[in-house]
Amino acid sequence: MTVQRMDHVGIIVGDLAGAIEFFVELGLEVQGPMTVEGRLVDRIVGLEGVRNDVAFVRTPDGHGQLELIQFHAPPMEEGDPRAPANTAGLRHITFAVDDIDDVLGRLQARGAELVGELVNYEDSYWLCYVRGPEGIIVELAEKIG
């Protein structure tokens, strides 16, 4: 048996509304939020007394989505929102964009910070890393030509 597709990536956030706003500004479409709790949820995630709010944000083509999760119980474990790009674990997610300057400007207006620089990578892509809410690193990629 083979994998059919990657369905989504889950991201734990402390401020669900702020994370939704960031990804909507990026151009994703929101579905939700909704509250999830109960014994089945406890069993799935291996925790007791789980209660969280969840929203999915989906790319306009419908092929990629993120699950944004804010835990109310048990409380969220703090991570390092300033972790550098070479820290073990999931470090960034990448979105192809049409106008990187426009997207970067809109995200920076909402408090996102460039991690490094906007770079012309071998005349094939404009690329940059942006640190958004909760320290999430988003790579923006605009194909050149």
Protein backbone atom coordinates (compact mmCIF):
# COMPACT_ATOMS: atom_id res chain seq x y z
CA MET A 1 0.00 0.00 0.00
CA THR A 2 1.22 3.51 -0.77
CA VAL A 3 0.40 6.92 0.59
CA GLN A 4 -2.53 8.53 -1.23
CA ARG A 5 -1.53 12.13 -0.48
CA MET A 6 -0.36 14.39 2.31
CA ASP A 7 -3.55 15.65 3.91
CA HIS A 8 -2.39 18.46 6.21
CA VAL A 9 0.25 19.72 8.63
CA GLY A 10 -0.79 20.52 12.21
CA ILE A 11 0.62 23.60 13.93
CA ILE A 12 0.09 24.31 17.63
CA VAL A 13 -0.47 28.01 18.33
CA GLY A 14 -1.18 30.11 21.41
CA ASP A 15 -3.28 32.67 19.51
CA LEU A 16 -5.57 30.97 17.01
CA ALA A 17 -7.18 34.19 15.80
CA GLY A 18 -3.77 35.78 15.13
CA ALA A 19 -2.53 32.72 13.26
CA ILE A 20 -5.70 32.63 11.15
CA GLU A 21 -5.27 36.32 10.28
CA PHE A 22 -1.65 35.73 9.22
CA PHE A 23 -2.45 32.82 6.90
CA VAL A 24 -5.54 34.57 5.46
CA GLU A 25 -3.32 37.58 4.68
CA LEU A 26 -0.96 35.16 2.92
CA GLY A 27 -3.91 34.10 0.75
CA LEU A 28 -5.16 30.90 2.36
CA GLU A 29 -8.87 30.26 2.91
CA VAL A 30 -10.11 29.51 6.43
CA GLN A 31 -12.50 26.73 7.45
CA GLY A 32 -13.66 26.75 11.05
CA PRO A 33 -12.82 27.31 13.79
CA MET A 34 -14.39 24.60 15.85
CA THR A 35 -13.86 23.14 19.32
CA VAL A 36 -12.62 19.56 19.64
CA GLU A 37 -12.70 17.56 22.87
CA GLY A 38 -13.70 14.26 24.41
CA ARG A 39 -12.44 10.74 25.02
CA LEU A 40 -11.74 9.98 21.34
CA VAL A 41 -9.60 13.10 21.02
CA ASP A 42 -7.76 12.15 24.24
CA ARG A 43 -7.03 8.71 22.79
CA ILE A 44 -5.84 10.06 19.43
CA VAL A 45 -3.35 12.57 20.85
CA GLY A 46 -2.36 10.57 23.94
CA LEU A 47 -3.34 13.24 26.47
CA GLU A 48 -6.09 13.44 29.10
CA GLY A 49 -8.81 16.09 29.20
CA VAL A 50 -8.07 17.60 25.80
CA ARG A 51 -10.05 20.65 24.75
CA ASN A 52 -8.82 22.71 21.84
CA ASP A 53 -9.96 25.03 19.10
CA VAL A 54 -9.06 24.06 15.55
CA ALA A 55 -9.19 25.85 12.20
CA PHE A 56 -8.03 24.62 8.82
CA VAL A 57 -6.50 27.04 6.33
CA ARG A 58 -6.30 25.82 2.76
CA THR A 59 -4.43 26.93 -0.33
CA PRO A 60 -6.69 28.37 -3.06
CA ASP A 61 -6.06 25.33 -5.29
CA GLY A 62 -7.44 23.08 -2.53
CA HIS A 63 -4.41 20.78 -2.47
CA GLY A 64 -2.61 21.95 0.68
CA GLN A 65 -3.89 22.73 4.13
CA LEU A 66 -2.71 23.51 7.62
CA GLU A 67 -4.51 22.58 10.82
CA LEU A 68 -4.06 25.41 13.34
CA ILE A 69 -4.64 24.14 16.88
CA GLN A 70 -4.94 26.12 20.11
CA PHE A 71 -4.92 23.90 23.22
CA HIS A 72 -6.98 25.08 26.18
CA ALA A 73 -6.51 21.85 28.12
CA PRO A 74 -4.02 20.55 28.88
CA PRO A 75 -2.07 23.81 28.53
CA MET A 76 0.25 24.21 25.55
CA GLU A 77 3.92 23.38 26.10
CA GLU A 78 6.06 26.39 25.22
CA GLY A 79 8.61 26.05 22.43
CA ASP A 80 11.29 28.49 21.34
CA PRO A 81 9.63 30.94 18.92
CA ARG A 82 13.07 32.33 17.98
CA ALA A 83 14.59 28.93 17.10
CA PRO A 84 16.92 29.26 14.12
CA ALA A 85 16.26 27.55 10.79
CA ASN A 86 18.74 24.74 11.59
CA THR A 87 16.97 23.56 14.79
CA ALA A 88 15.79 19.93 14.75
CA GLY A 89 12.14 19.38 13.92
CA LEU A 90 9.70 21.00 11.51
CA ARG A 91 11.36 24.31 10.64
CA HIS A 92 9.44 25.85 7.78
CA ILE A 93 6.60 25.50 5.33
CA THR A 94 6.80 26.88 1.79
CA PHE A 95 4.19 28.65 -0.30
CA ALA A 96 4.49 29.49 -3.98
CA VAL A 97 3.32 33.07 -4.56
CA ASP A 98 2.70 35.26 -7.61
CA ASP A 99 4.10 38.55 -6.26
CA ILE A 100 6.60 38.02 -3.45
CA ASP A 101 7.11 41.75 -2.83
CA ASP A 102 3.37 42.28 -2.31
CA VAL A 103 2.98 39.24 -0.05
CA LEU A 104 6.08 40.10 1.96
CA GLY A 105 4.89 43.68 2.45
CA ARG A 106 1.44 42.58 3.61
CA LEU A 107 2.87 40.05 6.06
CA GLN A 108 5.42 42.52 7.43
CA ALA A 109 2.59 45.02 7.99
CA ARG A 110 1.08 42.36 10.28
CA GLY A 111 4.31 41.95 12.25
CA ALA A 112 6.08 39.20 10.31
CA GLU A 113 9.88 39.54 10.17
CA LEU A 114 12.35 38.52 7.49
CA VAL A 115 14.60 35.79 8.88
CA GLY A 116 17.38 36.44 6.36
CA GLU A 117 17.02 38.27 3.05
CA LEU A 118 14.90 38.19 -0.09
CA VAL A 119 17.24 36.49 -2.58
CA ASN A 120 17.27 35.83 -6.32
CA TYR A 121 18.25 32.15 -6.26
CA GLU A 122 20.15 31.37 -9.46
CA ASP A 123 17.64 33.30 -11.61
CA SER A 124 15.04 30.59 -10.95
CA TYR A 125 13.18 31.79 -7.83
CA TRP A 126 12.87 34.75 -5.53
CA LEU A 127 13.04 33.17 -2.05
CA CYS A 128 12.86 34.35 1.53
CA TYR A 129 12.04 33.10 5.01
CA VAL A 130 9.51 35.04 7.09
CA ARG A 131 8.91 34.45 10.80
CA GLY A 132 5.19 34.71 11.49
CA PRO A 133 3.02 34.14 14.57
CA GLU A 134 4.27 31.69 17.18
CA GLY A 135 7.69 31.76 15.50
CA ILE A 136 6.42 29.79 12.48
CA ILE A 137 8.88 30.14 9.60
CA VAL A 138 7.19 30.48 6.21
CA GLU A 139 9.24 30.36 3.03
CA LEU A 140 7.89 32.41 0.15
CA ALA A 141 8.84 31.35 -3.39
CA GLU A 142 8.14 33.26 -6.59
CA LYS A 143 9.21 31.56 -9.81
CA ILE A 144 11.22 33.85 -12.08
CA GLY A 145 10.21 33.87 -15.72
